[in-house]
Amino acid sequence: MKTLVALALLATSCNAFAASCPELETQAETMGDHIPSHESGRLTIGTERVAFYSGPDDACKEEGVFVLPGEELNAYINYGDFTSILYINPKNGNEATGWVKTSRLKETGYGIGPN
């Protein structure tokens, strides 16, 4: 019975935490390390898909939203283990914003703005 109660409390706290993803994003925008536009270029690394998150926390993972290894992104903010990014699909021009794990990114040495 104790295990069942503990699991119920854990599920409730996880749902409450996931609901705070917009607040985490706002906090990260204020307190995070902003990346100069001329240094914003990033390349996704690794062999697996790079998951998108709606906020800078594992609880904010967006199911089914990802980019592939080797894709180019533009980074805006580093916060904890996450980086706020913009992805522009090279095939159709569609844009997606979100957060990805910083460990899945490599700086390219260029960006989208002047130095």
PDB file of N, CA and C in Angstrom:
ATOM      1  N   MET A   1       0.818  -1.191   0.000  1.00  0.00           N
ATOM      2  CA  MET A   1       0.000   0.000   0.000  1.00  0.00           C
ATOM      3  C   MET A   1       0.865   1.260   0.000  1.00  0.00           C
ATOM      4  N   LYS A   2       1.974   1.235   0.791  1.00  0.00           N
ATOM      5  CA  LYS A   2       2.861   2.397   0.830  1.00  0.00           C
ATOM      6  C   LYS A   2       3.446   2.675  -0.554  1.00  0.00           C
ATOM      7  N   THR A   3       3.786   1.613  -1.285  1.00  0.00           N
ATOM      8  CA  THR A   3       4.352   1.793  -2.615  1.00  0.00           C
ATOM      9  C   THR A   3       3.345   2.446  -3.547  1.00  0.00           C
ATOM     10  N   LEU A   4       2.103   2.020  -3.476  1.00  0.00           N
ATOM     11  CA  LEU A   4       1.052   2.584  -4.311  1.00  0.00           C
ATOM     12  C   LEU A   4       0.856   4.068  -4.006  1.00  0.00           C
ATOM     13  N   VAL A   5       0.848   4.424  -2.749  1.00  0.00           N
ATOM     14  CA  VAL A   5       0.701   5.829  -2.352  1.00  0.00           C
ATOM     15  C   VAL A   5       1.909   6.638  -2.827  1.00  0.00           C
ATOM     16  N   ALA A   6       3.111   6.079  -2.672  1.00  0.00           N
ATOM     17  CA  ALA A   6       4.316   6.772  -3.106  1.00  0.00           C
ATOM     18  C   ALA A   6       4.299   6.993  -4.616  1.00  0.00           C
ATOM     19  N   LEU A   7       3.857   5.985  -5.383  1.00  0.00           N
ATOM     20  CA  LEU A   7       3.771   6.138  -6.831  1.00  0.00           C
ATOM     21  C   LEU A   7       2.737   7.189  -7.220  1.00  0.00           C
ATOM     22  N   ALA A   8       1.620   7.227  -6.523  1.00  0.00           N
ATOM     23  CA  ALA A   8       0.591   8.231  -6.797  1.00  0.00           C
ATOM     24  C   ALA A   8       1.116   9.632  -6.515  1.00  0.00           C
ATOM     25  N   LEU A   9       1.841   9.793  -5.409  1.00  0.00           N
ATOM     26  CA  LEU A   9       2.419  11.098  -5.087  1.00  0.00           C
ATOM     27  C   LEU A   9       3.474  11.495  -6.108  1.00  0.00           C
ATOM     28  N   LEU A  10       4.285  10.538  -6.549  1.00  0.00           N
ATOM     29  CA  LEU A  10       5.307  10.819  -7.548  1.00  0.00           C
ATOM     30  C   LEU A  10       4.664  11.245  -8.859  1.00  0.00           C
ATOM     31  N   ALA A  11       3.635  10.548  -9.286  1.00  0.00           N
ATOM     32  CA  ALA A  11       2.944  10.906 -10.530  1.00  0.00           C
ATOM     33  C   ALA A  11       2.333  12.292 -10.436  1.00  0.00           C
ATOM     34  N   THR A  12       1.751  12.625  -9.290  1.00  0.00           N
ATOM     35  CA  THR A  12       1.157  13.942  -9.099  1.00  0.00           C
ATOM     36  C   THR A  12       2.222  15.020  -9.139  1.00  0.00           C
ATOM     37  N   SER A  13       3.347  14.801  -8.475  1.00  0.00           N
ATOM     38  CA  SER A  13       4.400  15.818  -8.461  1.00  0.00           C
ATOM     39  C   SER A  13       5.031  15.966  -9.839  1.00  0.00           C
ATOM     40  N   CYS A  14       5.155  14.872 -10.608  1.00  0.00           N
ATOM     41  CA  CYS A  14       5.708  14.970 -11.964  1.00  0.00           C
ATOM     42  C   CYS A  14       4.770  15.771 -12.859  1.00  0.00           C
ATOM     43  N   ASN A  15       3.467  15.550 -12.767  1.00  0.00           N
ATOM     44  CA  ASN A  15       2.515  16.307 -13.568  1.00  0.00           C
ATOM     45  C   ASN A  15       2.538  17.775 -13.187  1.00  0.00           C
ATOM     46  N   ALA A  16       2.647  18.071 -11.906  1.00  0.00           N
ATOM     47  CA  ALA A  16       2.705  19.461 -11.462  1.00  0.00           C
ATOM     48  C   ALA A  16       3.979  20.111 -11.958  1.00  0.00           C
ATOM     49  N   PHE A  17       5.077  19.368 -11.952  1.00  0.00           N
ATOM     50  CA  PHE A  17       6.344  19.919 -12.414  1.00  0.00           C
ATOM     51  C   PHE A  17       6.304  20.165 -13.915  1.00  0.00           C
ATOM     52  N   ALA A  18       5.750  19.211 -14.678  1.00  0.00           N
ATOM     53  CA  ALA A  18       5.670  19.377 -16.126  1.00  0.00           C
ATOM     54  C   ALA A  18       4.840  20.602 -16.484  1.00  0.00           C
ATOM     55  N   ALA A  19       3.847  20.918 -15.669  1.00  0.00           N
ATOM     56  CA  ALA A  19       3.019  22.090 -15.935  1.00  0.00           C
ATOM     57  C   ALA A  19       3.808  23.377 -15.751  1.00  0.00           C
ATOM     58  N   SER A  20       4.964  23.309 -15.089  1.00  0.00           N
ATOM     59  CA  SER A  20       5.750  24.509 -14.851  1.00  0.00           C
ATOM     60  C   SER A  20       6.777  24.768 -15.953  1.00  0.00           C
ATOM     61  N   CYS A  21       6.727  24.041 -17.045  1.00  0.00           N
ATOM     62  CA  CYS A  21       7.692  24.236 -18.126  1.00  0.00           C
ATOM     63  C   CYS A  21       7.686  25.670 -18.657  1.00  0.00           C
ATOM     64  N   PRO A  22       6.531  26.307 -18.855  1.00  0.00           N
ATOM     65  CA  PRO A  22       6.558  27.707 -19.289  1.00  0.00           C
ATOM     66  C   PRO A  22       7.247  28.624 -18.276  1.00  0.00           C
ATOM     67  N   GLU A  23       7.059  28.349 -16.991  1.00  0.00           N
ATOM     68  CA  GLU A  23       7.724  29.148 -15.962  1.00  0.00           C
ATOM     69  C   GLU A  23       9.230  28.932 -15.988  1.00  0.00           C
ATOM     70  N   LEU A  24       9.654  27.683 -16.212  1.00  0.00           N
ATOM     71  CA  LEU A  24      11.087  27.392 -16.336  1.00  0.00           C
ATOM     72  C   LEU A  24      11.687  28.114 -17.538  1.00  0.00           C
ATOM     73  N   GLU A  25      10.943  28.149 -18.628  1.00  0.00           N
ATOM     74  CA  GLU A  25      11.437  28.838 -19.818  1.00  0.00           C
ATOM     75  C   GLU A  25      11.591  30.332 -19.547  1.00  0.00           C
ATOM     76  N   THR A  26      10.616  30.923 -18.872  1.00  0.00           N
ATOM     77  CA  THR A  26      10.695  32.344 -18.519  1.00  0.00           C
ATOM     78  C   THR A  26      11.887  32.608 -17.615  1.00  0.00           C
ATOM     79  N   GLN A  27      12.093  31.745 -16.639  1.00  0.00           N
ATOM     80  CA  GLN A  27      13.232  31.884 -15.734  1.00  0.00           C
ATOM     81  C   GLN A  27      14.548  31.780 -16.508  1.00  0.00           C
ATOM     82  N   ALA A  28      14.629  30.835 -17.424  1.00  0.00           N
ATOM     83  CA  ALA A  28      15.848  30.640 -18.208  1.00  0.00           C
ATOM     84  C   ALA A  28      16.124  31.844 -19.101  1.00  0.00           C
ATOM     85  N   GLU A  29      15.076  32.437 -19.667  1.00  0.00           N
ATOM     86  CA  GLU A  29      15.257  33.611 -20.512  1.00  0.00           C
ATOM     87  C   GLU A  29      15.826  34.782 -19.715  1.00  0.00           C
ATOM     88  N   THR A  30      15.483  34.852 -18.445  1.00  0.00           N
ATOM     89  CA  THR A  30      15.966  35.927 -17.583  1.00  0.00           C
ATOM     90  C   THR A  30      17.348  35.627 -17.018  1.00  0.00           C
ATOM     91  N   MET A  31      17.559  34.405 -16.556  1.00  0.00           N
ATOM     92  CA  MET A  31      18.774  34.066 -15.821  1.00  0.00           C
ATOM     93  C   MET A  31      19.832  33.318 -16.638  1.00  0.00           C
ATOM     94  N   GLY A  32      19.476  32.876 -17.845  1.00  0.00           N
ATOM     95  CA  GLY A  32      20.396  32.088 -18.653  1.00  0.00           C
ATOM     96  C   GLY A  32      21.503  32.915 -19.284  1.00  0.00           C
ATOM     97  N   ASP A  33      22.470  32.217 -19.848  1.00  0.00           N
ATOM     98  CA  ASP A  33      23.586  32.845 -20.555  1.00  0.00           C
ATOM     99  C   ASP A  33      23.171  33.057 -22.009  1.00  0.00           C
ATOM    100  N   HIS A  34      22.967  34.329 -22.394  1.00  0.00           N
ATOM    101  CA  HIS A  34      22.560  34.654 -23.758  1.00  0.00           C
ATOM    102  C   HIS A  34      23.754  34.538 -24.695  1.00  0.00           C
ATOM    103  N   ILE A  35      23.507  33.931 -25.847  1.00  0.00           N
ATOM    104  CA  ILE A  35      24.547  33.670 -26.833  1.00  0.00           C
ATOM    105  C   ILE A  35      24.510  34.779 -27.885  1.00  0.00           C
ATOM    106  N   PRO A  36      25.649  35.441 -28.130  1.00  0.00           N
ATOM    107  CA  PRO A  36      25.671  36.475 -29.174  1.00  0.00           C
ATOM    108  C   PRO A  36      25.272  35.878 -30.530  1.00  0.00           C
ATOM    109  N   SER A  37      24.528  36.629 -31.332  1.00  0.00           N
ATOM    110  CA  SER A  37      24.023  36.099 -32.598  1.00  0.00           C
ATOM    111  C   SER A  37      25.147  35.670 -33.541  1.00  0.00           C
ATOM    112  N   HIS A  38      26.299  36.327 -33.469  1.00  0.00           N
ATOM    113  CA  HIS A  38      27.400  35.940 -34.362  1.00  0.00           C
ATOM    114  C   HIS A  38      28.097  34.645 -33.910  1.00  0.00           C
ATOM    115  N   GLU A  39      27.697  34.113 -32.755  1.00  0.00           N
ATOM    116  CA  GLU A  39      28.241  32.844 -32.252  1.00  0.00           C
ATOM    117  C   GLU A  39      27.147  31.786 -32.099  1.00  0.00           C
ATOM    118  N   SER A  40      26.000  31.998 -32.724  1.00  0.00           N
ATOM    119  CA  SER A  40      24.829  31.153 -32.470  1.00  0.00           C
ATOM    120  C   SER A  40      24.801  29.837 -33.236  1.00  0.00           C
ATOM    121  N   GLY A  41      25.643  29.647 -34.234  1.00  0.00           N
ATOM    122  CA  GLY A  41      25.603  28.436 -35.043  1.00  0.00           C
ATOM    123  C   GLY A  41      25.947  27.189 -34.253  1.00  0.00           C
ATOM    124  N   ARG A  42      25.109  26.175 -34.400  1.00  0.00           N
ATOM    125  CA  ARG A  42      25.330  24.886 -33.736  1.00  0.00           C
ATOM    126  C   ARG A  42      25.021  23.762 -34.708  1.00  0.00           C
ATOM    127  N   LEU A  43      25.667  22.633 -34.483  1.00  0.00           N
ATOM    128  CA  LEU A  43      25.448  21.422 -35.247  1.00  0.00           C
ATOM    129  C   LEU A  43      25.069  20.325 -34.257  1.00  0.00           C
ATOM    130  N   THR A  44      24.031  19.554 -34.579  1.00  0.00           N
ATOM    131  CA  THR A  44      23.657  18.461 -33.682  1.00  0.00           C
ATOM    132  C   THR A  44      24.650  17.314 -33.851  1.00  0.00           C
ATOM    133  N   ILE A  45      25.011  16.707 -32.721  1.00  0.00           N
ATOM    134  CA  ILE A  45      25.998  15.620 -32.738  1.00  0.00           C
ATOM    135  C   ILE A  45      25.397  14.367 -32.117  1.00  0.00           C
ATOM    136  N   GLY A  46      26.088  13.258 -32.311  1.00  0.00           N
ATOM    137  CA  GLY A  46      25.630  11.970 -31.795  1.00  0.00           C
ATOM    138  C   GLY A  46      25.009  11.157 -32.910  1.00  0.00           C
ATOM    139  N   THR A  47      24.477  10.007 -32.551  1.00  0.00           N
ATOM    140  CA  THR A  47      23.888   9.106 -33.552  1.00  0.00           C
ATOM    141  C   THR A  47      22.379   8.994 -33.440  1.00  0.00           C
ATOM    142  N   GLU A  48      21.815   9.484 -32.364  1.00  0.00           N
ATOM    143  CA  GLU A  48      20.372   9.399 -32.137  1.00  0.00           C
ATOM    144  C   GLU A  48      19.696  10.725 -32.453  1.00  0.00           C
ATOM    145  N   ARG A  49      18.389  10.694 -32.602  1.00  0.00           N
ATOM    146  CA  ARG A  49      17.602  11.911 -32.770  1.00  0.00           C
ATOM    147  C   ARG A  49      17.829  12.833 -31.569  1.00  0.00           C
ATOM    148  N   VAL A  50      17.760  14.137 -31.805  1.00  0.00           N
ATOM    149  CA  VAL A  50      17.928  15.128 -30.746  1.00  0.00           C
ATOM    150  C   VAL A  50      16.530  15.613 -30.354  1.00  0.00           C
ATOM    151  N   ALA A  51      16.117  15.277 -29.141  1.00  0.00           N
ATOM    152  CA  ALA A  51      14.769  15.597 -28.668  1.00  0.00           C
ATOM    153  C   ALA A  51      14.617  17.084 -28.382  1.00  0.00           C
ATOM    154  N   PHE A  52      13.409  17.585 -28.597  1.00  0.00           N
ATOM    155  CA  PHE A  52      13.032  18.951 -28.242  1.00  0.00           C
ATOM    156  C   PHE A  52      12.320  18.928 -26.893  1.00  0.00           C
ATOM    157  N   TYR A  53      12.502  20.006 -26.152  1.00  0.00           N
ATOM    158  CA  TYR A  53      11.856  20.195 -24.857  1.00  0.00           C
ATOM    159  C   TYR A  53      11.170  21.560 -24.874  1.00  0.00           C
ATOM    160  N   SER A  54      10.030  21.678 -24.199  1.00  0.00           N
ATOM    161  CA  SER A  54       9.317  22.962 -24.143  1.00  0.00           C
ATOM    162  C   SER A  54       9.902  23.886 -23.087  1.00  0.00           C
ATOM    163  N   GLY A  55      10.732  23.355 -22.232  1.00  0.00           N
ATOM    164  CA  GLY A  55      11.424  24.117 -21.197  1.00  0.00           C
ATOM    165  C   GLY A  55      12.723  23.408 -20.869  1.00  0.00           C
ATOM    166  N   PRO A  56      13.598  24.068 -20.154  1.00  0.00           N
ATOM    167  CA  PRO A  56      14.918  23.496 -19.875  1.00  0.00           C
ATOM    168  C   PRO A  56      14.926  22.490 -18.724  1.00  0.00           C
ATOM    169  N   ASP A  57      14.224  21.382 -18.916  1.00  0.00           N
ATOM    170  CA  ASP A  57      14.171  20.330 -17.911  1.00  0.00           C
ATOM    171  C   ASP A  57      13.736  19.035 -18.569  1.00  0.00           C
ATOM    172  N   ASP A  58      14.230  17.901 -18.063  1.00  0.00           N
ATOM    173  CA  ASP A  58      13.863  16.594 -18.611  1.00  0.00           C
ATOM    174  C   ASP A  58      12.351  16.352 -18.602  1.00  0.00           C
ATOM    175  N   ALA A  59      11.645  16.927 -17.642  1.00  0.00           N
ATOM    176  CA  ALA A  59      10.199  16.742 -17.542  1.00  0.00           C
ATOM    177  C   ALA A  59       9.441  17.455 -18.661  1.00  0.00           C
ATOM    178  N   CYS A  60      10.118  18.292 -19.422  1.00  0.00           N
ATOM    179  CA  CYS A  60       9.470  19.100 -20.463  1.00  0.00           C
ATOM    180  C   CYS A  60       9.655  18.519 -21.864  1.00  0.00           C
ATOM    181  N   LYS A  61      10.041  17.258 -21.968  1.00  0.00           N
ATOM    182  CA  LYS A  61      10.285  16.636 -23.273  1.00  0.00           C
ATOM    183  C   LYS A  61       9.008  16.636 -24.109  1.00  0.00           C
ATOM    184  N   GLU A  62       9.155  17.014 -25.380  1.00  0.00           N
ATOM    185  CA  GLU A  62       8.034  17.024 -26.320  1.00  0.00           C
ATOM    186  C   GLU A  62       8.093  15.738 -27.135  1.00  0.00           C
ATOM    187  N   GLU A  63       7.158  14.849 -26.890  1.00  0.00           N
ATOM    188  CA  GLU A  63       7.152  13.555 -27.568  1.00  0.00           C
ATOM    189  C   GLU A  63       6.973  13.739 -29.079  1.00  0.00           C
ATOM    190  N   GLY A  64       7.814  13.062 -29.844  1.00  0.00           N
ATOM    191  CA  GLY A  64       7.702  13.078 -31.296  1.00  0.00           C
ATOM    192  C   GLY A  64       8.282  14.309 -31.973  1.00  0.00           C
ATOM    193  N   VAL A  65       8.922  15.196 -31.218  1.00  0.00           N
ATOM    194  CA  VAL A  65       9.523  16.401 -31.800  1.00  0.00           C
ATOM    195  C   VAL A  65      11.036  16.274 -31.647  1.00  0.00           C
ATOM    196  N   PHE A  66      11.746  16.321 -32.773  1.00  0.00           N
ATOM    197  CA  PHE A  66      13.194  16.088 -32.736  1.00  0.00           C
ATOM    198  C   PHE A  66      13.828  16.612 -34.013  1.00  0.00           C
ATOM    199  N   VAL A  67      15.156  16.694 -33.998  1.00  0.00           N
ATOM    200  CA  VAL A  67      15.953  16.920 -35.205  1.00  0.00           C
ATOM    201  C   VAL A  67      16.953  15.783 -35.298  1.00  0.00           C
ATOM    202  N   LEU A  68      17.495  15.613 -36.471  1.00  0.00           N
ATOM    203  CA  LEU A  68      18.412  14.511 -36.712  1.00  0.00           C
ATOM    204  C   LEU A  68      19.864  14.931 -36.479  1.00  0.00           C
ATOM    205  N   PRO A  69      20.731  13.963 -36.238  1.00  0.00           N
ATOM    206  CA  PRO A  69      22.154  14.276 -36.112  1.00  0.00           C
ATOM    207  C   PRO A  69      22.658  14.953 -37.389  1.00  0.00           C
ATOM    208  N   GLY A  70      23.538  15.941 -37.212  1.00  0.00           N
ATOM    209  CA  GLY A  70      24.106  16.649 -38.355  1.00  0.00           C
ATOM    210  C   GLY A  70      23.299  17.856 -38.809  1.00  0.00           C
ATOM    211  N   GLU A  71      22.161  18.128 -38.163  1.00  0.00           N
ATOM    212  CA  GLU A  71      21.336  19.284 -38.525  1.00  0.00           C
ATOM    213  C   GLU A  71      21.937  20.562 -37.942  1.00  0.00           C
ATOM    214  N   GLU A  72      21.732  21.680 -38.640  1.00  0.00           N
ATOM    215  CA  GLU A  72      22.198  22.973 -38.162  1.00  0.00           C
ATOM    216  C   GLU A  72      21.082  23.683 -37.403  1.00  0.00           C
ATOM    217  N   LEU A  73      21.457  24.327 -36.293  1.00  0.00           N
ATOM    218  CA  LEU A  73      20.528  25.071 -35.446  1.00  0.00           C
ATOM    219  C   LEU A  73      21.141  26.416 -35.113  1.00  0.00           C
ATOM    220  N   ASN A  74      20.324  27.320 -34.605  1.00  0.00           N
ATOM    221  CA  ASN A  74      20.812  28.580 -34.049  1.00  0.00           C
ATOM    222  C   ASN A  74      20.474  28.590 -32.566  1.00  0.00           C
ATOM    223  N   ALA A  75      21.473  28.865 -31.748  1.00  0.00           N
ATOM    224  CA  ALA A  75      21.316  28.837 -30.294  1.00  0.00           C
ATOM    225  C   ALA A  75      21.137  30.253 -29.758  1.00  0.00           C
ATOM    226  N   TYR A  76      20.325  30.377 -28.706  1.00  0.00           N
ATOM    227  CA  TYR A  76      20.042  31.685 -28.125  1.00  0.00           C
ATOM    228  C   TYR A  76      20.412  31.811 -26.652  1.00  0.00           C
ATOM    229  N   ILE A  77      20.124  30.767 -25.877  1.00  0.00           N
ATOM    230  CA  ILE A  77      20.359  30.828 -24.433  1.00  0.00           C
ATOM    231  C   ILE A  77      20.851  29.473 -23.941  1.00  0.00           C
ATOM    232  N   ASN A  78      21.888  29.484 -23.106  1.00  0.00           N
ATOM    233  CA  ASN A  78      22.296  28.293 -22.365  1.00  0.00           C
ATOM    234  C   ASN A  78      21.766  28.434 -20.946  1.00  0.00           C
ATOM    235  N   TYR A  79      21.164  27.346 -20.463  1.00  0.00           N
ATOM    236  CA  TYR A  79      20.633  27.355 -19.094  1.00  0.00           C
ATOM    237  C   TYR A  79      20.725  25.937 -18.551  1.00  0.00           C
ATOM    238  N   GLY A  80      21.567  25.746 -17.557  1.00  0.00           N
ATOM    239  CA  GLY A  80      21.762  24.399 -17.016  1.00  0.00           C
ATOM    240  C   GLY A  80      22.304  23.491 -18.104  1.00  0.00           C
ATOM    241  N   ASP A  81      21.664  22.353 -18.292  1.00  0.00           N
ATOM    242  CA  ASP A  81      22.086  21.369 -19.291  1.00  0.00           C
ATOM    243  C   ASP A  81      21.401  21.559 -20.634  1.00  0.00           C
ATOM    244  N   PHE A  82      20.702  22.691 -20.824  1.00  0.00           N
ATOM    245  CA  PHE A  82      19.884  22.897 -22.010  1.00  0.00           C
ATOM    246  C   PHE A  82      20.259  24.179 -22.751  1.00  0.00           C
ATOM    247  N   THR A  83      19.944  24.187 -24.048  1.00  0.00           N
ATOM    248  CA  THR A  83      20.152  25.357 -24.900  1.00  0.00           C
ATOM    249  C   THR A  83      18.857  25.639 -25.655  1.00  0.00           C
ATOM    250  N   SER A  84      18.453  26.897 -25.641  1.00  0.00           N
ATOM    251  CA  SER A  84      17.297  27.349 -26.416  1.00  0.00           C
ATOM    252  C   SER A  84      17.734  27.500 -27.866  1.00  0.00           C
ATOM    253  N   ILE A  85      16.946  26.933 -28.797  1.00  0.00           N
ATOM    254  CA  ILE A  85      17.382  26.923 -30.191  1.00  0.00           C
ATOM    255  C   ILE A  85      16.240  27.276 -31.151  1.00  0.00           C
ATOM    256  N   LEU A  86      16.654  27.617 -32.370  1.00  0.00           N
ATOM    257  CA  LEU A  86      15.760  27.773 -33.518  1.00  0.00           C
ATOM    258  C   LEU A  86      16.254  26.812 -34.579  1.00  0.00           C
ATOM    259  N   TYR A  87      15.343  26.016 -35.119  1.00  0.00           N
ATOM    260  CA  TYR A  87      15.661  25.104 -36.215  1.00  0.00           C
ATOM    261  C   TYR A  87      14.854  25.542 -37.427  1.00  0.00           C
ATOM    262  N   ILE A  88      15.522  25.676 -38.559  1.00  0.00           N
ATOM    263  CA  ILE A  88      14.851  25.984 -39.819  1.00  0.00           C
ATOM    264  C   ILE A  88      15.053  24.788 -40.744  1.00  0.00           C
ATOM    265  N   ASN A  89      13.949  24.149 -41.111  1.00  0.00           N
ATOM    266  CA  ASN A  89      14.015  22.971 -41.968  1.00  0.00           C
ATOM    267  C   ASN A  89      14.529  23.389 -43.345  1.00  0.00           C
ATOM    268  N   PRO A  90      15.662  22.828 -43.777  1.00  0.00           N
ATOM    269  CA  PRO A  90      16.239  23.249 -45.054  1.00  0.00           C
ATOM    270  C   PRO A  90      15.400  22.861 -46.273  1.00  0.00           C
ATOM    271  N   LYS A  91      14.502  21.898 -46.118  1.00  0.00           N
ATOM    272  CA  LYS A  91      13.690  21.440 -47.251  1.00  0.00           C
ATOM    273  C   LYS A  91      12.466  22.322 -47.485  1.00  0.00           C
ATOM    274  N   ASN A  92      11.827  22.776 -46.391  1.00  0.00           N
ATOM    275  CA  ASN A  92      10.575  23.521 -46.569  1.00  0.00           C
ATOM    276  C   ASN A  92      10.559  24.889 -45.884  1.00  0.00           C
ATOM    277  N   GLY A  93      11.616  25.222 -45.142  1.00  0.00           N
ATOM    278  CA  GLY A  93      11.686  26.527 -44.488  1.00  0.00           C
ATOM    279  C   GLY A  93      10.885  26.645 -43.203  1.00  0.00           C
ATOM    280  N   ASN A  94      10.213  25.581 -42.797  1.00  0.00           N
ATOM    281  CA  ASN A  94       9.456  25.626 -41.539  1.00  0.00           C
ATOM    282  C   ASN A  94      10.400  25.811 -40.364  1.00  0.00           C
ATOM    283  N   GLU A  95       9.939  26.569 -39.369  1.00  0.00           N
ATOM    284  CA  GLU A  95      10.761  26.853 -38.193  1.00  0.00           C
ATOM    285  C   GLU A  95      10.196  26.162 -36.963  1.00  0.00           C
ATOM    286  N   ALA A  96      11.088  25.781 -36.071  1.00  0.00           N
ATOM    287  CA  ALA A  96      10.706  25.214 -34.781  1.00  0.00           C
ATOM    288  C   ALA A  96      11.632  25.780 -33.722  1.00  0.00           C
ATOM    289  N   THR A  97      11.068  26.149 -32.588  1.00  0.00           N
ATOM    290  CA  THR A  97      11.874  26.619 -31.465  1.00  0.00           C
ATOM    291  C   THR A  97      11.650  25.696 -30.286  1.00  0.00           C
ATOM    292  N   GLY A  98      12.612  25.668 -29.407  1.00  0.00           N
ATOM    293  CA  GLY A  98      12.501  24.841 -28.216  1.00  0.00           C
ATOM    294  C   GLY A  98      13.837  24.771 -27.512  1.00  0.00           C
ATOM    295  N   TRP A  99      13.974  23.755 -26.700  1.00  0.00           N
ATOM    296  CA  TRP A  99      15.186  23.524 -25.927  1.00  0.00           C
ATOM    297  C   TRP A  99      15.718  22.150 -26.290  1.00  0.00           C
ATOM    298  N   VAL A 100      17.030  22.020 -26.356  1.00  0.00           N
ATOM    299  CA  VAL A 100      17.683  20.729 -26.563  1.00  0.00           C
ATOM    300  C   VAL A 100      18.802  20.595 -25.540  1.00  0.00           C
ATOM    301  N   LYS A 101      19.249  19.379 -25.340  1.00  0.00           N
ATOM    302  CA  LYS A 101      20.367  19.149 -24.425  1.00  0.00           C
ATOM    303  C   LYS A 101      21.635  19.748 -25.035  1.00  0.00           C
ATOM    304  N   THR A 102      22.315  20.555 -24.269  1.00  0.00           N
ATOM    305  CA  THR A 102      23.529  21.224 -24.722  1.00  0.00           C
ATOM    306  C   THR A 102      24.597  20.209 -25.139  1.00  0.00           C
ATOM    307  N   SER A 103      24.626  19.071 -24.475  1.00  0.00           N
ATOM    308  CA  SER A 103      25.627  18.040 -24.785  1.00  0.00           C
ATOM    309  C   SER A 103      25.453  17.470 -26.191  1.00  0.00           C
ATOM    310  N   ARG A 104      24.325  17.713 -26.835  1.00  0.00           N
ATOM    311  CA  ARG A 104      24.055  17.219 -28.185  1.00  0.00           C
ATOM    312  C   ARG A 104      24.389  18.252 -29.261  1.00  0.00           C
ATOM    313  N   LEU A 105      25.044  19.361 -28.843  1.00  0.00           N
ATOM    314  CA  LEU A 105      25.369  20.438 -29.775  1.00  0.00           C
ATOM    315  C   LEU A 105      26.861  20.687 -29.849  1.00  0.00           C
ATOM    316  N   LYS A 106      27.306  21.117 -31.018  1.00  0.00           N
ATOM    317  CA  LYS A 106      28.694  21.511 -31.235  1.00  0.00           C
ATOM    318  C   LYS A 106      28.678  22.895 -31.872  1.00  0.00           C
ATOM    319  N   GLU A 107      29.494  23.813 -31.335  1.00  0.00           N
ATOM    320  CA  GLU A 107      29.594  25.147 -31.917  1.00  0.00           C
ATOM    321  C   GLU A 107      30.211  25.060 -33.300  1.00  0.00           C
ATOM    322  N   THR A 108      29.691  25.868 -34.229  1.00  0.00           N
ATOM    323  CA  THR A 108      30.196  25.846 -35.599  1.00  0.00           C
ATOM    324  C   THR A 108      31.191  26.976 -35.883  1.00  0.00           C
ATOM    325  N   GLY A 109      31.236  27.985 -35.020  1.00  0.00           N
ATOM    326  CA  GLY A 109      32.142  29.099 -35.237  1.00  0.00           C
ATOM    327  C   GLY A 109      31.533  30.232 -36.040  1.00  0.00           C
ATOM    328  N   TYR A 110      30.259  30.113 -36.361  1.00  0.00           N
ATOM    329  CA  TYR A 110      29.590  31.198 -37.058  1.00  0.00           C
ATOM    330  C   TYR A 110      28.194  31.384 -36.453  1.00  0.00           C
ATOM    331  N   GLY A 111      27.479  32.360 -36.973  1.00  0.00           N
ATOM    332  CA  GLY A 111      26.136  32.619 -36.462  1.00  0.00           C
ATOM    333  C   GLY A 111      25.289  33.332 -37.485  1.00  0.00           C
ATOM    334  N   ILE A 112      24.153  33.879 -37.017  1.00  0.00           N
ATOM    335  CA  ILE A 112      23.216  34.512 -37.924  1.00  0.00           C
ATOM    336  C   ILE A 112      23.288  36.031 -37.890  1.00  0.00           C
ATOM    337  N   GLY A 113      24.158  36.591 -37.056  1.00  0.00           N
ATOM    338  CA  GLY A 113      24.248  38.033 -36.946  1.00  0.00           C
ATOM    339  C   GLY A 113      25.668  38.517 -37.118  1.00  0.00           C
ATOM    340  N   PRO A 114      25.820  39.828 -37.283  1.00  0.00           N
ATOM    341  CA  PRO A 114      27.176  40.386 -37.426  1.00  0.00           C
ATOM    342  C   PRO A 114      27.929  40.370 -36.118  1.00  0.00           C
ATOM    343  N   ASN A 115      29.240  40.336 -36.229  1.00  0.00           N
ATOM    344  CA  ASN A 115      30.110  40.348 -35.057  1.00  0.00           C
ATOM    345  C   ASN A 115      30.232  41.758 -34.501  1.00  0.00           C
TER     346      ASN A 115
END
